[in-house]
């Protein structure tokens, strides 16, 4: 990466890649130092704010991380990670209601986004809100009748208590997407 930086010193790609490497190693301090320089030159870059949120998370600076995630959402509300990453951070900080509210807000802002809706349903299930998860999954399946993933989510909601019903939903999902290995494995 050092060589790449010398080949095109005006490119953001080498420092972004370096920051990503530091984030993968959970080295928040090194990532934050690089991202601070990038944000100085591009303060309206949503992805840099998301990455800085991750760096601050690794540093244990929850509120600073949440501020950067909020800025990333303000700049690009369509990116699922701008909603899901801070929600996980809030959950881990035992701020479950805030996490669930954030995911609900994200799902409302991006109603057709599968990863965001899936994160919301998983968070509801993880936090003992089975009835709310089931209601949300049923609403998704009704709103998106040609999509397989809402049926799979509906199956995951009922699986602990009604395996035959879960299997019916998984078979319906497989009928829509017969090659999806996740549906096959769950069935």
Protein backbone atom coordinates (compact mmCIF):
# COMPACT_ATOMS: atom_id res chain seq x y z
CA UNK A 1 0.00 0.00 0.00
CA UNK A 2 2.91 2.35 0.61
CA UNK A 3 3.98 1.88 -3.02
CA UNK A 4 0.44 2.51 -4.23
CA UNK A 5 0.37 5.78 -2.30
CA UNK A 6 3.52 6.97 -4.09
CA UNK A 7 2.12 6.06 -7.51
CA UNK A 8 -0.90 8.31 -7.07
CA UNK A 9 -0.46 10.50 -4.00
CA UNK A 10 -3.86 12.16 -4.59
CA UNK A 11 -5.81 8.92 -4.48
CA UNK A 12 -7.80 8.07 -1.36
CA UNK A 13 -7.67 4.35 -2.15
CA UNK A 14 -4.39 3.48 -0.37
CA UNK A 15 -5.28 5.18 2.94
CA UNK A 16 -8.83 3.79 2.80
CA UNK A 17 -7.39 0.31 2.31
CA UNK A 18 -4.96 0.88 5.18
CA UNK A 19 -7.81 1.99 7.42
CA UNK A 20 -9.81 -1.09 6.45
CA UNK A 21 -6.85 -3.31 7.34
CA UNK A 22 -6.56 -1.62 10.74
CA UNK A 23 -10.31 -2.03 11.30
CA UNK A 24 -10.08 -5.73 10.42
CA UNK A 25 -7.30 -6.03 13.01
CA UNK A 26 -9.46 -4.11 15.50
CA UNK A 27 -6.80 -1.41 15.72
CA UNK A 28 -9.09 1.55 16.25
CA UNK A 29 -6.33 4.03 17.01
CA UNK A 30 -4.43 3.46 13.76
CA UNK A 31 -7.66 3.44 11.72
CA UNK A 32 -8.93 6.61 13.42
CA UNK A 33 -5.68 8.46 12.66
CA UNK A 34 -5.99 7.68 8.95
CA UNK A 35 -9.71 8.39 8.85
CA UNK A 36 -9.27 11.75 10.60
CA UNK A 37 -7.03 12.83 7.71
CA UNK A 38 -9.51 11.51 5.14
CA UNK A 39 -12.45 13.25 6.84
CA UNK A 40 -10.47 16.50 6.99
CA UNK A 41 -10.34 16.49 3.18
CA UNK A 42 -13.80 14.93 2.58
CA UNK A 43 -16.08 15.76 5.52
CA UNK A 44 -19.20 14.80 3.54
CA UNK A 45 -18.07 11.26 2.75
CA UNK A 46 -20.61 8.95 4.39
CA UNK A 47 -18.40 5.86 4.15
CA UNK A 48 -15.52 7.59 5.94
CA UNK A 49 -17.90 8.50 8.76
CA UNK A 50 -19.10 4.89 8.95
CA UNK A 51 -15.52 3.68 9.09
CA UNK A 52 -14.69 6.27 11.77
CA UNK A 53 -17.69 5.00 13.72
CA UNK A 54 -16.20 1.52 13.55
CA UNK A 55 -12.80 2.83 14.64
CA UNK A 56 -14.34 4.65 17.59
CA UNK A 57 -16.25 1.47 18.47
CA UNK A 58 -12.94 -0.43 18.61
CA UNK A 59 -11.59 2.29 20.88
CA UNK A 60 -14.56 1.90 23.23
CA UNK A 61 -15.78 5.41 22.48
CA UNK A 62 -19.47 4.58 22.07
CA UNK A 63 -20.85 8.13 21.89
CA UNK A 64 -18.21 9.24 19.37
CA UNK A 65 -18.96 6.15 17.28
CA UNK A 66 -22.68 6.87 17.38
CA UNK A 67 -22.08 10.48 16.25
CA UNK A 68 -20.12 9.28 13.21
CA UNK A 69 -22.73 6.65 12.37
CA UNK A 70 -25.43 9.34 12.62
CA UNK A 71 -23.45 11.55 10.24
CA UNK A 72 -23.07 8.62 7.83
CA UNK A 73 -26.85 8.04 7.94
CA UNK A 74 -27.55 11.73 7.37
CA UNK A 75 -25.29 11.69 4.30
CA UNK A 76 -26.50 8.34 2.94
CA UNK A 77 -29.61 6.91 4.62
CA UNK A 78 -29.90 4.16 1.99
CA UNK A 79 -26.80 2.27 3.18
CA UNK A 80 -27.88 -0.57 5.51
CA UNK A 81 -24.58 -0.61 7.43
CA UNK A 82 -25.19 2.98 8.54
CA UNK A 83 -28.16 1.61 10.49
CA UNK A 84 -27.10 -1.92 11.42
CA UNK A 85 -23.62 -1.22 12.80
CA UNK A 86 -24.74 1.39 15.35
CA UNK A 87 -27.70 -0.81 16.28
CA UNK A 88 -25.32 -3.65 17.16
CA UNK A 89 -23.22 -1.20 19.16
CA UNK A 90 -26.30 -0.05 21.05
CA UNK A 91 -27.38 -3.64 21.70
CA UNK A 92 -23.96 -4.52 23.10
CA UNK A 93 -24.16 -1.47 25.34
CA UNK A 94 -27.48 -2.81 26.74
CA UNK A 95 -29.38 -0.01 25.00
CA UNK A 96 -31.75 -2.44 23.31
CA UNK A 97 -34.73 -0.11 22.96
CA UNK A 98 -32.56 2.46 21.20
CA UNK A 99 -31.14 -0.23 18.91
CA UNK A 100 -34.59 -1.51 18.00
CA UNK A 101 -35.88 2.03 17.42
CA UNK A 102 -32.93 2.77 15.15
CA UNK A 103 -33.51 -0.39 13.12
CA UNK A 104 -37.23 0.39 12.86
CA UNK A 105 -36.40 3.88 11.64
CA UNK A 106 -33.97 2.43 9.10
CA UNK A 107 -36.52 -0.12 7.89
CA UNK A 108 -39.09 2.63 7.51
CA UNK A 109 -36.63 4.77 5.53
CA UNK A 110 -35.64 1.79 3.35
CA UNK A 111 -38.74 -0.46 3.18
CA UNK A 112 -37.44 -2.79 0.46
CA UNK A 113 -33.96 -3.30 1.93
CA UNK A 114 -33.59 -6.97 2.83
CA UNK A 115 -30.42 -6.77 5.01
CA UNK A 116 -31.90 -3.97 7.09
CA UNK A 117 -35.24 -5.74 7.61
CA UNK A 118 -33.41 -8.98 8.40
CA UNK A 119 -31.27 -7.20 10.98
CA UNK A 120 -34.37 -5.69 12.55
CA UNK A 121 -36.12 -9.07 12.78
CA UNK A 122 -33.01 -10.78 14.16
CA UNK A 123 -32.64 -8.07 16.81
CA UNK A 124 -36.27 -8.44 17.81
CA UNK A 125 -35.87 -12.21 18.14
CA UNK A 126 -32.56 -11.92 20.05
CA UNK A 127 -34.12 -9.56 22.54
CA UNK A 128 -37.19 -11.59 23.38
CA UNK A 129 -39.62 -9.66 21.20
CA UNK A 130 -40.95 -12.72 19.35
CA UNK A 131 -44.47 -11.33 18.84
CA UNK A 132 -43.16 -8.09 17.36
CA UNK A 133 -40.78 -10.04 15.11
CA UNK A 134 -43.61 -12.29 13.93
CA UNK A 135 -45.88 -9.31 13.20
CA UNK A 136 -43.12 -7.54 11.27
CA UNK A 137 -42.27 -10.69 9.29
CA UNK A 138 -45.94 -11.27 8.44
CA UNK A 139 -46.25 -7.67 7.26
CA UNK A 140 -43.14 -8.06 5.09
CA UNK A 141 -44.38 -11.30 3.57
CA UNK A 142 -47.75 -9.68 2.78
CA UNK A 143 -46.11 -6.55 1.33
CA UNK A 144 -43.54 -8.49 -0.74
CA UNK A 145 -45.37 -11.62 -1.94
CA UNK A 146 -42.90 -12.29 -4.76
CA UNK A 147 -39.83 -12.20 -2.48
CA UNK A 148 -38.52 -15.33 -0.80
CA UNK A 149 -36.56 -13.74 2.04
CA UNK A 150 -39.63 -12.49 3.99
CA UNK A 151 -40.98 -16.05 3.99
CA UNK A 152 -37.66 -17.32 5.33
CA UNK A 153 -37.75 -14.66 8.04
CA UNK A 154 -41.30 -15.65 8.88
CA UNK A 155 -40.10 -19.25 9.19
CA UNK A 156 -37.31 -18.18 11.56
CA UNK A 157 -39.87 -16.41 13.74
CA UNK A 158 -42.10 -19.46 14.18
CA UNK A 159 -39.42 -22.16 14.07
CA UNK A 160 -38.87 -22.38 17.86
CA UNK A 161 -42.55 -23.07 18.55
CA UNK A 162 -44.11 -24.41 15.33
CA UNK A 163 -41.71 -26.35 13.13
CA UNK A 164 -44.38 -27.59 10.66
CA UNK A 165 -45.47 -23.99 10.00
CA UNK A 166 -41.82 -22.93 9.63
CA UNK A 167 -41.31 -25.72 7.09
CA UNK A 168 -44.32 -24.51 5.08
CA UNK A 169 -42.82 -21.01 4.92
CA UNK A 170 -39.41 -22.41 3.95
CA UNK A 171 -40.96 -24.53 1.19
CA UNK A 172 -42.78 -21.45 -0.11
CA UNK A 173 -39.47 -19.54 -0.06
CA UNK A 174 -37.80 -22.40 -1.95
CA UNK A 175 -40.57 -22.33 -4.54
CA UNK A 176 -39.64 -18.70 -5.23
CA UNK A 177 -35.86 -19.24 -5.04
CA UNK A 178 -35.18 -22.94 -5.56
CA UNK A 179 -31.40 -22.58 -5.62
CA UNK A 180 -30.97 -20.73 -2.31
CA UNK A 181 -28.81 -22.98 -0.12
CA UNK A 182 -29.80 -21.19 3.10
CA UNK A 183 -33.45 -22.14 2.64
CA UNK A 184 -32.49 -25.73 1.83
CA UNK A 185 -30.26 -25.99 4.92
CA UNK A 186 -32.91 -24.57 7.23
CA UNK A 187 -35.55 -26.92 5.88
